Amino acid sequence: VKYKKHIFVCINERPPDSPKGCCASGGGSDIRYEFVKLINEHGLKGKVRSNKSGCLDACEVGPAVVIYP
């Protein structure tokens, strides 16, 4: 296993009137950027990775994040 943790942050875009909400307009990209920044600040590059993700099917509660394992 290359990474000890792998973070996926939804940046899926939906129309403004979608009842499911939209992780992109809810700040998904900003959240991912903050994870990347923290990974670098804490010397975790190569141990923890943060990636953009498509829909994680939880948009109604806000930007979705999944961390494995």
PDB file of N, CA and C in Angstrom:
ATOM      1  N   VAL A   1       0.853  -1.179   0.000  1.00  0.00           N
ATOM      2  CA  VAL A   1       0.000   0.000   0.000  1.00  0.00           C
ATOM      3  C   VAL A   1       0.895   1.236   0.000  1.00  0.00           C
ATOM      4  N   LYS A   2       0.671   2.111  -0.957  1.00  0.00           N
ATOM      5  CA  LYS A   2       1.514   3.299  -1.072  1.00  0.00           C
ATOM      6  C   LYS A   2       1.164   4.362  -0.037  1.00  0.00           C
ATOM      7  N   TYR A   3      -0.123   4.591   0.201  1.00  0.00           N
ATOM      8  CA  TYR A   3      -0.550   5.637   1.132  1.00  0.00           C
ATOM      9  C   TYR A   3      -1.181   5.016   2.368  1.00  0.00           C
ATOM     10  N   LYS A   4      -0.924   5.625   3.522  1.00  0.00           N
ATOM     11  CA  LYS A   4      -1.564   5.161   4.757  1.00  0.00           C
ATOM     12  C   LYS A   4      -3.018   5.605   4.810  1.00  0.00           C
ATOM     13  N   LYS A   5      -3.298   6.773   4.239  1.00  0.00           N
ATOM     14  CA  LYS A   5      -4.665   7.299   4.151  1.00  0.00           C
ATOM     15  C   LYS A   5      -4.863   7.897   2.766  1.00  0.00           C
ATOM     16  N   HIS A   6      -6.058   7.728   2.241  1.00  0.00           N
ATOM     17  CA  HIS A   6      -6.402   8.303   0.940  1.00  0.00           C
ATOM     18  C   HIS A   6      -7.725   9.037   1.114  1.00  0.00           C
ATOM     19  N   ILE A   7      -7.710  10.337   0.852  1.00  0.00           N
ATOM     20  CA  ILE A   7      -8.870  11.203   1.064  1.00  0.00           C
ATOM     21  C   ILE A   7      -9.493  11.541  -0.288  1.00  0.00           C
ATOM     22  N   PHE A   8     -10.793  11.320  -0.395  1.00  0.00           N
ATOM     23  CA  PHE A   8     -11.533  11.686  -1.600  1.00  0.00           C
ATOM     24  C   PHE A   8     -12.534  12.775  -1.233  1.00  0.00           C
ATOM     25  N   VAL A   9     -12.486  13.896  -1.956  1.00  0.00           N
ATOM     26  CA  VAL A   9     -13.385  15.023  -1.698  1.00  0.00           C
ATOM     27  C   VAL A   9     -14.240  15.247  -2.944  1.00  0.00           C
ATOM     28  N   CYS A  10     -15.555  15.187  -2.769  1.00  0.00           N
ATOM     29  CA  CYS A  10     -16.470  15.369  -3.894  1.00  0.00           C
ATOM     30  C   CYS A  10     -16.437  16.814  -4.394  1.00  0.00           C
ATOM     31  N   ILE A  11     -16.287  16.953  -5.701  1.00  0.00           N
ATOM     32  CA  ILE A  11     -16.380  18.271  -6.339  1.00  0.00           C
ATOM     33  C   ILE A  11     -17.417  18.228  -7.465  1.00  0.00           C
ATOM     34  N   ASN A  12     -18.359  17.286  -7.342  1.00  0.00           N
ATOM     35  CA  ASN A  12     -19.407  17.122  -8.348  1.00  0.00           C
ATOM     36  C   ASN A  12     -20.247  18.391  -8.466  1.00  0.00           C
ATOM     37  N   GLU A  13     -20.583  18.751  -9.703  1.00  0.00           N
ATOM     38  CA  GLU A  13     -21.419  19.933  -9.950  1.00  0.00           C
ATOM     39  C   GLU A  13     -22.817  19.511 -10.368  1.00  0.00           C
ATOM     40  N   ARG A  14     -23.804  20.153  -9.771  1.00  0.00           N
ATOM     41  CA  ARG A  14     -25.209  19.941 -10.129  1.00  0.00           C
ATOM     42  C   ARG A  14     -25.820  21.301 -10.456  1.00  0.00           C
ATOM     43  N   PRO A  15     -26.951  21.297 -11.154  1.00  0.00           N
ATOM     44  CA  PRO A  15     -27.632  22.566 -11.422  1.00  0.00           C
ATOM     45  C   PRO A  15     -28.030  23.247 -10.108  1.00  0.00           C
ATOM     46  N   PRO A  16     -28.079  24.574 -10.099  1.00  0.00           N
ATOM     47  CA  PRO A  16     -28.410  25.320  -8.867  1.00  0.00           C
ATOM     48  C   PRO A  16     -29.744  24.923  -8.234  1.00  0.00           C
ATOM     49  N   ASP A  17     -30.691  24.460  -9.043  1.00  0.00           N
ATOM     50  CA  ASP A  17     -32.004  24.105  -8.504  1.00  0.00           C
ATOM     51  C   ASP A  17     -32.124  22.623  -8.127  1.00  0.00           C
ATOM     52  N   SER A  18     -31.021  21.898  -8.114  1.00  0.00           N
ATOM     53  CA  SER A  18     -31.062  20.475  -7.778  1.00  0.00           C
ATOM     54  C   SER A  18     -31.418  20.274  -6.307  1.00  0.00           C
ATOM     55  N   PRO A  19     -32.388  19.404  -6.018  1.00  0.00           N
ATOM     56  CA  PRO A  19     -32.755  19.146  -4.626  1.00  0.00           C
ATOM     57  C   PRO A  19     -31.657  18.412  -3.852  1.00  0.00           C
ATOM     58  N   LYS A  20     -30.721  17.784  -4.568  1.00  0.00           N
ATOM     59  CA  LYS A  20     -29.639  17.058  -3.902  1.00  0.00           C
ATOM     60  C   LYS A  20     -28.533  17.978  -3.399  1.00  0.00           C
ATOM     61  N   GLY A  21     -28.490  19.198  -3.883  1.00  0.00           N
ATOM     62  CA  GLY A  21     -27.389  20.081  -3.518  1.00  0.00           C
ATOM     63  C   GLY A  21     -26.202  19.867  -4.438  1.00  0.00           C
ATOM     64  N   CYS A  22     -25.119  20.551  -4.147  1.00  0.00           N
ATOM     65  CA  CYS A  22     -23.949  20.510  -5.024  1.00  0.00           C
ATOM     66  C   CYS A  22     -22.685  20.662  -4.188  1.00  0.00           C
ATOM     67  N   CYS A  23     -21.850  19.636  -4.190  1.00  0.00           N
ATOM     68  CA  CYS A  23     -20.609  19.696  -3.411  1.00  0.00           C
ATOM     69  C   CYS A  23     -19.650  20.762  -3.951  1.00  0.00           C
ATOM     70  N   ALA A  24     -19.655  20.974  -5.264  1.00  0.00           N
ATOM     71  CA  ALA A  24     -18.761  21.978  -5.847  1.00  0.00           C
ATOM     72  C   ALA A  24     -19.095  23.371  -5.317  1.00  0.00           C
ATOM     73  N   SER A  25     -20.374  23.745  -5.369  1.00  0.00           N
ATOM     74  CA  SER A  25     -20.748  25.082  -4.890  1.00  0.00           C
ATOM     75  C   SER A  25     -20.724  25.164  -3.369  1.00  0.00           C
ATOM     76  N   GLY A  26     -20.699  24.015  -2.709  1.00  0.00           N
ATOM     77  CA  GLY A  26     -20.620  23.982  -1.245  1.00  0.00           C
ATOM     78  C   GLY A  26     -19.201  24.069  -0.720  1.00  0.00           C
ATOM     79  N   GLY A  27     -18.228  24.173  -1.614  1.00  0.00           N
ATOM     80  CA  GLY A  27     -16.843  24.352  -1.187  1.00  0.00           C
ATOM     81  C   GLY A  27     -15.972  23.114  -1.283  1.00  0.00           C
ATOM     82  N   GLY A  28     -16.390  22.122  -2.064  1.00  0.00           N
ATOM     83  CA  GLY A  28     -15.608  20.894  -2.195  1.00  0.00           C
ATOM     84  C   GLY A  28     -14.165  21.133  -2.614  1.00  0.00           C
ATOM     85  N   SER A  29     -13.944  22.000  -3.595  1.00  0.00           N
ATOM     86  CA  SER A  29     -12.574  22.279  -4.055  1.00  0.00           C
ATOM     87  C   SER A  29     -11.750  22.961  -2.972  1.00  0.00           C
ATOM     88  N   ASP A  30     -12.373  23.867  -2.220  1.00  0.00           N
ATOM     89  CA  ASP A  30     -11.666  24.545  -1.124  1.00  0.00           C
ATOM     90  C   ASP A  30     -11.279  23.555  -0.028  1.00  0.00           C
ATOM     91  N   ILE A  31     -12.175  22.622   0.256  1.00  0.00           N
ATOM     92  CA  ILE A  31     -11.887  21.608   1.276  1.00  0.00           C
ATOM     93  C   ILE A  31     -10.712  20.746   0.836  1.00  0.00           C
ATOM     94  N   ARG A  32     -10.715  20.325  -0.422  1.00  0.00           N
ATOM     95  CA  ARG A  32      -9.592  19.522  -0.921  1.00  0.00           C
ATOM     96  C   ARG A  32      -8.287  20.304  -0.844  1.00  0.00           C
ATOM     97  N   TYR A  33      -8.325  21.574  -1.220  1.00  0.00           N
ATOM     98  CA  TYR A  33      -7.127  22.411  -1.152  1.00  0.00           C
ATOM     99  C   TYR A  33      -6.594  22.470   0.279  1.00  0.00           C
ATOM    100  N   GLU A  34      -7.486  22.596   1.254  1.00  0.00           N
ATOM    101  CA  GLU A  34      -7.064  22.643   2.661  1.00  0.00           C
ATOM    102  C   GLU A  34      -6.418  21.329   3.087  1.00  0.00           C
ATOM    103  N   PHE A  35      -6.971  20.203   2.636  1.00  0.00           N
ATOM    104  CA  PHE A  35      -6.347  18.912   2.939  1.00  0.00           C
ATOM    105  C   PHE A  35      -4.943  18.850   2.358  1.00  0.00           C
ATOM    106  N   VAL A  36      -4.781  19.251   1.100  1.00  0.00           N
ATOM    107  CA  VAL A  36      -3.467  19.236   0.451  1.00  0.00           C
ATOM    108  C   VAL A  36      -2.493  20.125   1.224  1.00  0.00           C
ATOM    109  N   LYS A  37      -2.949  21.303   1.608  1.00  0.00           N
ATOM    110  CA  LYS A  37      -2.114  22.236   2.364  1.00  0.00           C
ATOM    111  C   LYS A  37      -1.666  21.613   3.693  1.00  0.00           C
ATOM    112  N   LEU A  38      -2.599  21.013   4.410  1.00  0.00           N
ATOM    113  CA  LEU A  38      -2.275  20.388   5.699  1.00  0.00           C
ATOM    114  C   LEU A  38      -1.341  19.191   5.532  1.00  0.00           C
ATOM    115  N   ILE A  39      -1.558  18.416   4.484  1.00  0.00           N
ATOM    116  CA  ILE A  39      -0.674  17.277   4.210  1.00  0.00           C
ATOM    117  C   ILE A  39       0.756  17.772   4.023  1.00  0.00           C
ATOM    118  N   ASN A  40       0.926  18.828   3.244  1.00  0.00           N
ATOM    119  CA  ASN A  40       2.261  19.383   3.008  1.00  0.00           C
ATOM    120  C   ASN A  40       2.849  20.007   4.267  1.00  0.00           C
ATOM    121  N   GLU A  41       2.052  20.771   5.006  1.00  0.00           N
ATOM    122  CA  GLU A  41       2.532  21.435   6.226  1.00  0.00           C
ATOM    123  C   GLU A  41       2.999  20.443   7.286  1.00  0.00           C
ATOM    124  N   HIS A  42       2.362  19.291   7.339  1.00  0.00           N
ATOM    125  CA  HIS A  42       2.677  18.302   8.370  1.00  0.00           C
ATOM    126  C   HIS A  42       3.623  17.207   7.876  1.00  0.00           C
ATOM    127  N   GLY A  43       4.212  17.408   6.706  1.00  0.00           N
ATOM    128  CA  GLY A  43       5.183  16.455   6.180  1.00  0.00           C
ATOM    129  C   GLY A  43       4.596  15.085   5.870  1.00  0.00           C
ATOM    130  N   LEU A  44       3.351  15.051   5.437  1.00  0.00           N
ATOM    131  CA  LEU A  44       2.674  13.778   5.182  1.00  0.00           C
ATOM    132  C   LEU A  44       2.614  13.403   3.704  1.00  0.00           C
ATOM    133  N   LYS A  45       3.254  14.200   2.857  1.00  0.00           N
ATOM    134  CA  LYS A  45       3.255  13.893   1.421  1.00  0.00           C
ATOM    135  C   LYS A  45       3.899  12.517   1.221  1.00  0.00           C
ATOM    136  N   GLY A  46       3.236  11.672   0.453  1.00  0.00           N
ATOM    137  CA  GLY A  46       3.704  10.307   0.250  1.00  0.00           C
ATOM    138  C   GLY A  46       3.078   9.320   1.218  1.00  0.00           C
ATOM    139  N   LYS A  47       2.516   9.834   2.318  1.00  0.00           N
ATOM    140  CA  LYS A  47       1.834   8.984   3.302  1.00  0.00           C
ATOM    141  C   LYS A  47       0.325   9.150   3.231  1.00  0.00           C
ATOM    142  N   VAL A  48      -0.113  10.390   2.956  1.00  0.00           N
ATOM    143  CA  VAL A  48      -1.536  10.714   2.856  1.00  0.00           C
ATOM    144  C   VAL A  48      -1.745  11.422   1.528  1.00  0.00           C
ATOM    145  N   ARG A  49      -2.817  11.067   0.845  1.00  0.00           N
ATOM    146  CA  ARG A  49      -3.111  11.709  -0.440  1.00  0.00           C
ATOM    147  C   ARG A  49      -4.550  12.196  -0.459  1.00  0.00           C
ATOM    148  N   SER A  50      -4.760  13.365  -1.058  1.00  0.00           N
ATOM    149  CA  SER A  50      -6.099  13.926  -1.220  1.00  0.00           C
ATOM    150  C   SER A  50      -6.406  14.042  -2.707  1.00  0.00           C
ATOM    151  N   ASN A  51      -7.540  13.473  -3.115  1.00  0.00           N
ATOM    152  CA  ASN A  51      -7.955  13.505  -4.515  1.00  0.00           C
ATOM    153  C   ASN A  51      -9.341  14.106  -4.668  1.00  0.00           C
ATOM    154  N   LYS A  52      -9.573  14.686  -5.845  1.00  0.00           N
ATOM    155  CA  LYS A  52     -10.923  15.104  -6.226  1.00  0.00           C
ATOM    156  C   LYS A  52     -11.726  13.844  -6.509  1.00  0.00           C
ATOM    157  N   SER A  53     -13.016  13.929  -6.280  1.00  0.00           N
ATOM    158  CA  SER A  53     -13.892  12.795  -6.521  1.00  0.00           C
ATOM    159  C   SER A  53     -15.160  13.258  -7.214  1.00  0.00           C
ATOM    160  N   GLY A  54     -15.781  12.345  -7.926  1.00  0.00           N
ATOM    161  CA  GLY A  54     -17.122  12.577  -8.441  1.00  0.00           C
ATOM    162  C   GLY A  54     -18.109  12.395  -7.297  1.00  0.00           C
ATOM    163  N   CYS A  55     -19.367  12.250  -7.621  1.00  0.00           N
ATOM    164  CA  CYS A  55     -20.417  12.177  -6.610  1.00  0.00           C
ATOM    165  C   CYS A  55     -20.210  11.001  -5.657  1.00  0.00           C
ATOM    166  N   LEU A  56     -20.285  11.293  -4.362  1.00  0.00           N
ATOM    167  CA  LEU A  56     -20.204  10.273  -3.316  1.00  0.00           C
ATOM    168  C   LEU A  56     -21.580   9.999  -2.716  1.00  0.00           C
ATOM    169  N   ASP A  57     -22.608  10.557  -3.327  1.00  0.00           N
ATOM    170  CA  ASP A  57     -24.009  10.322  -2.979  1.00  0.00           C
ATOM    171  C   ASP A  57     -24.380  10.784  -1.570  1.00  0.00           C
ATOM    172  N   ALA A  58     -23.826  11.919  -1.165  1.00  0.00           N
ATOM    173  CA  ALA A  58     -24.194  12.497   0.132  1.00  0.00           C
ATOM    174  C   ALA A  58     -24.307  14.013   0.024  1.00  0.00           C
ATOM    175  N   CYS A  59     -24.588  14.516  -1.164  1.00  0.00           N
ATOM    176  CA  CYS A  59     -24.593  15.958  -1.436  1.00  0.00           C
ATOM    177  C   CYS A  59     -25.613  16.732  -0.606  1.00  0.00           C
ATOM    178  N   GLU A  60     -26.686  16.047  -0.186  1.00  0.00           N
ATOM    179  CA  GLU A  60     -27.728  16.780   0.537  1.00  0.00           C
ATOM    180  C   GLU A  60     -27.262  17.287   1.896  1.00  0.00           C
ATOM    181  N   VAL A  61     -26.192  16.722   2.427  1.00  0.00           N
ATOM    182  CA  VAL A  61     -25.716  17.146   3.751  1.00  0.00           C
ATOM    183  C   VAL A  61     -24.503  18.068   3.672  1.00  0.00           C
ATOM    184  N   GLY A  62     -24.046  18.359   2.468  1.00  0.00           N
ATOM    185  CA  GLY A  62     -22.899  19.244   2.292  1.00  0.00           C
ATOM    186  C   GLY A  62     -21.791  18.519   1.552  1.00  0.00           C
ATOM    187  N   PRO A  63     -20.657  19.174   1.342  1.00  0.00           N
ATOM    188  CA  PRO A  63     -19.555  18.547   0.619  1.00  0.00           C
ATOM    189  C   PRO A  63     -19.154  17.223   1.281  1.00  0.00           C
ATOM    190  N   ALA A  64     -19.066  16.176   0.471  1.00  0.00           N
ATOM    191  CA  ALA A  64     -18.785  14.842   0.987  1.00  0.00           C
ATOM    192  C   ALA A  64     -17.297  14.525   0.928  1.00  0.00           C
ATOM    193  N   VAL A  65     -16.824  13.861   1.978  1.00  0.00           N
ATOM    194  CA  VAL A  65     -15.433  13.432   2.078  1.00  0.00           C
ATOM    195  C   VAL A  65     -15.431  11.973   2.528  1.00  0.00           C
ATOM    196  N   VAL A  66     -14.583  11.166   1.890  1.00  0.00           N
ATOM    197  CA  VAL A  66     -14.386   9.782   2.304  1.00  0.00           C
ATOM    198  C   VAL A  66     -12.895   9.581   2.513  1.00  0.00           C
ATOM    199  N   ILE A  67     -12.534   8.928   3.616  1.00  0.00           N
ATOM    200  CA  ILE A  67     -11.130   8.657   3.917  1.00  0.00           C
ATOM    201  C   ILE A  67     -10.951   7.145   4.055  1.00  0.00           C
ATOM    202  N   TYR A  68     -10.008   6.592   3.286  1.00  0.00           N
ATOM    203  CA  TYR A  68      -9.681   5.167   3.352  1.00  0.00           C
ATOM    204  C   TYR A  68      -8.272   4.997   3.877  1.00  0.00           C
ATOM    205  N   PRO A  69      -7.879   3.943   4.537  1.00  0.00           N
ATOM    206  CA  PRO A  69      -8.783   3.025   5.224  1.00  0.00           C
ATOM    207  C   PRO A  69      -9.281   3.633   6.512  1.00  0.00           C
TER     208      PRO A  69
END
